[in-house]
Amino acid sequence: MLDFFDWKVEMVGSLKPYIDKENKRMAVLTNVDDEIHIVLEFDGDNHLVIHPRWNIVITVLGDKHLRLTTNS
């Protein structure tokens, strides 16, 4: 499980996160870095904004707790 600015994010082993702490952004790619599955970032009001692609499944497990899996 990964902590991302008070959010807990679980993801399958085939995904790899890249975190930009300065800009409060995270991109999640495949392990071989060939495809972006999702980007998460915080807006000016500190709300989490999610930019998913068609090949990602987002499951809300609780307050500030997500699980990311792929469609394939």
C-alpha atoms as a PDB file:
ATOM      1  CA  MET A   1       0.000   0.000   0.000  1.00  0.00           C
ATOM      2  CA  LEU A   2       1.199   3.476  -0.896  1.00  0.00           C
ATOM      3  CA  ASP A   3       0.545   6.687   1.059  1.00  0.00           C
ATOM      4  CA  PHE A   4      -0.130   9.649  -1.217  1.00  0.00           C
ATOM      5  CA  PHE A   5      -0.741  12.839   0.793  1.00  0.00           C
ATOM      6  CA  ASP A   6      -3.145  11.263   3.328  1.00  0.00           C
ATOM      7  CA  TRP A   7      -4.664   8.923   0.725  1.00  0.00           C
ATOM      8  CA  LYS A   8      -3.958   5.195   0.783  1.00  0.00           C
ATOM      9  CA  VAL A   9      -3.558   3.680  -2.680  1.00  0.00           C
ATOM     10  CA  GLU A  10      -3.348  -0.061  -3.291  1.00  0.00           C
ATOM     11  CA  MET A  11      -2.321  -1.291  -6.722  1.00  0.00           C
ATOM     12  CA  VAL A  12      -1.602  -4.545  -8.468  1.00  0.00           C
ATOM     13  CA  GLY A  13       2.018  -5.569  -9.003  1.00  0.00           C
ATOM     14  CA  SER A  14       1.864  -4.826 -12.730  1.00  0.00           C
ATOM     15  CA  LEU A  15       1.598  -1.082 -11.985  1.00  0.00           C
ATOM     16  CA  LYS A  16       4.389   1.291 -10.986  1.00  0.00           C
ATOM     17  CA  PRO A  17       3.847   4.750  -9.437  1.00  0.00           C
ATOM     18  CA  TYR A  18       5.915   7.851 -10.092  1.00  0.00           C
ATOM     19  CA  ILE A  19       5.354  10.574  -7.491  1.00  0.00           C
ATOM     20  CA  ASP A  20       6.088  14.272  -7.881  1.00  0.00           C
ATOM     21  CA  LYS A  21       5.860  15.450  -4.265  1.00  0.00           C
ATOM     22  CA  GLU A  22       6.537  19.097  -5.076  1.00  0.00           C
ATOM     23  CA  ASN A  23       3.508  19.329  -7.387  1.00  0.00           C
ATOM     24  CA  LYS A  24       1.414  16.722  -5.513  1.00  0.00           C
ATOM     25  CA  ARG A  25       1.025  14.474  -8.566  1.00  0.00           C
ATOM     26  CA  MET A  26       1.328  10.773  -9.200  1.00  0.00           C
ATOM     27  CA  ALA A  27       1.392   8.963 -12.533  1.00  0.00           C
ATOM     28  CA  VAL A  28       0.827   5.215 -12.545  1.00  0.00           C
ATOM     29  CA  LEU A  29       2.417   3.323 -15.419  1.00  0.00           C
ATOM     30  CA  THR A  30       2.981  -0.290 -16.337  1.00  0.00           C
ATOM     31  CA  ASN A  31       6.115  -1.912 -14.907  1.00  0.00           C
ATOM     32  CA  VAL A  32       7.884  -1.479 -18.243  1.00  0.00           C
ATOM     33  CA  ASP A  33       6.928   2.227 -18.428  1.00  0.00           C
ATOM     34  CA  ASP A  34       5.158   1.907 -21.765  1.00  0.00           C
ATOM     35  CA  GLU A  35       1.648   3.041 -20.836  1.00  0.00           C
ATOM     36  CA  ILE A  36       0.136   5.554 -18.402  1.00  0.00           C
ATOM     37  CA  HIS A  37      -2.919   4.112 -16.671  1.00  0.00           C
ATOM     38  CA  ILE A  38      -3.906   6.992 -14.392  1.00  0.00           C
ATOM     39  CA  VAL A  39      -2.755  10.348 -13.048  1.00  0.00           C
ATOM     40  CA  LEU A  40      -3.752  11.609  -9.603  1.00  0.00           C
ATOM     41  CA  GLU A  41      -3.153  15.179  -8.461  1.00  0.00           C
ATOM     42  CA  PHE A  42      -4.414  17.753  -5.998  1.00  0.00           C
ATOM     43  CA  ASP A  43      -6.103  20.961  -7.114  1.00  0.00           C
ATOM     44  CA  GLY A  44      -5.750  24.400  -5.497  1.00  0.00           C
ATOM     45  CA  ASP A  45      -8.355  23.484  -2.861  1.00  0.00           C
ATOM     46  CA  ASN A  46      -6.449  20.281  -1.964  1.00  0.00           C
ATOM     47  CA  HIS A  47      -9.094  18.004  -3.546  1.00  0.00           C
ATOM     48  CA  LEU A  48      -7.883  14.834  -5.211  1.00  0.00           C
ATOM     49  CA  VAL A  49      -8.426  14.951  -8.988  1.00  0.00           C
ATOM     50  CA  ILE A  50      -8.255  11.660 -10.875  1.00  0.00           C
ATOM     51  CA  HIS A  51      -7.468  11.397 -14.597  1.00  0.00           C
ATOM     52  CA  PRO A  52      -8.150   7.730 -15.505  1.00  0.00           C
ATOM     53  CA  ARG A  53      -7.720   5.993 -18.828  1.00  0.00           C
ATOM     54  CA  TRP A  54      -9.988   3.304 -20.227  1.00  0.00           C
ATOM     55  CA  ASN A  55      -7.800   0.474 -18.955  1.00  0.00           C
ATOM     56  CA  ILE A  56      -7.911   1.176 -15.196  1.00  0.00           C
ATOM     57  CA  VAL A  57     -10.393   0.138 -12.535  1.00  0.00           C
ATOM     58  CA  ILE A  58     -10.719   2.390  -9.482  1.00  0.00           C
ATOM     59  CA  THR A  59     -12.307   0.865  -6.389  1.00  0.00           C
ATOM     60  CA  VAL A  60     -13.118   3.045  -3.394  1.00  0.00           C
ATOM     61  CA  LEU A  61     -12.358   0.981  -0.297  1.00  0.00           C
ATOM     62  CA  GLY A  62     -13.137   3.657   2.264  1.00  0.00           C
ATOM     63  CA  ASP A  63     -12.464   7.250   3.199  1.00  0.00           C
ATOM     64  CA  LYS A  64      -9.307   8.292   1.322  1.00  0.00           C
ATOM     65  CA  HIS A  65      -8.552   4.673   0.366  1.00  0.00           C
ATOM     66  CA  LEU A  66      -8.405   3.479  -3.267  1.00  0.00           C
ATOM     67  CA  ARG A  67      -7.458   0.283  -5.086  1.00  0.00           C
ATOM     68  CA  LEU A  68      -6.167   0.475  -8.673  1.00  0.00           C
ATOM     69  CA  THR A  69      -6.320  -2.546 -10.977  1.00  0.00           C
ATOM     70  CA  THR A  70      -6.245  -2.935 -14.750  1.00  0.00           C
ATOM     71  CA  ASN A  71      -8.945  -4.182 -17.107  1.00  0.00           C
ATOM     72  CA  SER A  72      -6.576  -6.704 -18.644  1.00  0.00           C
END
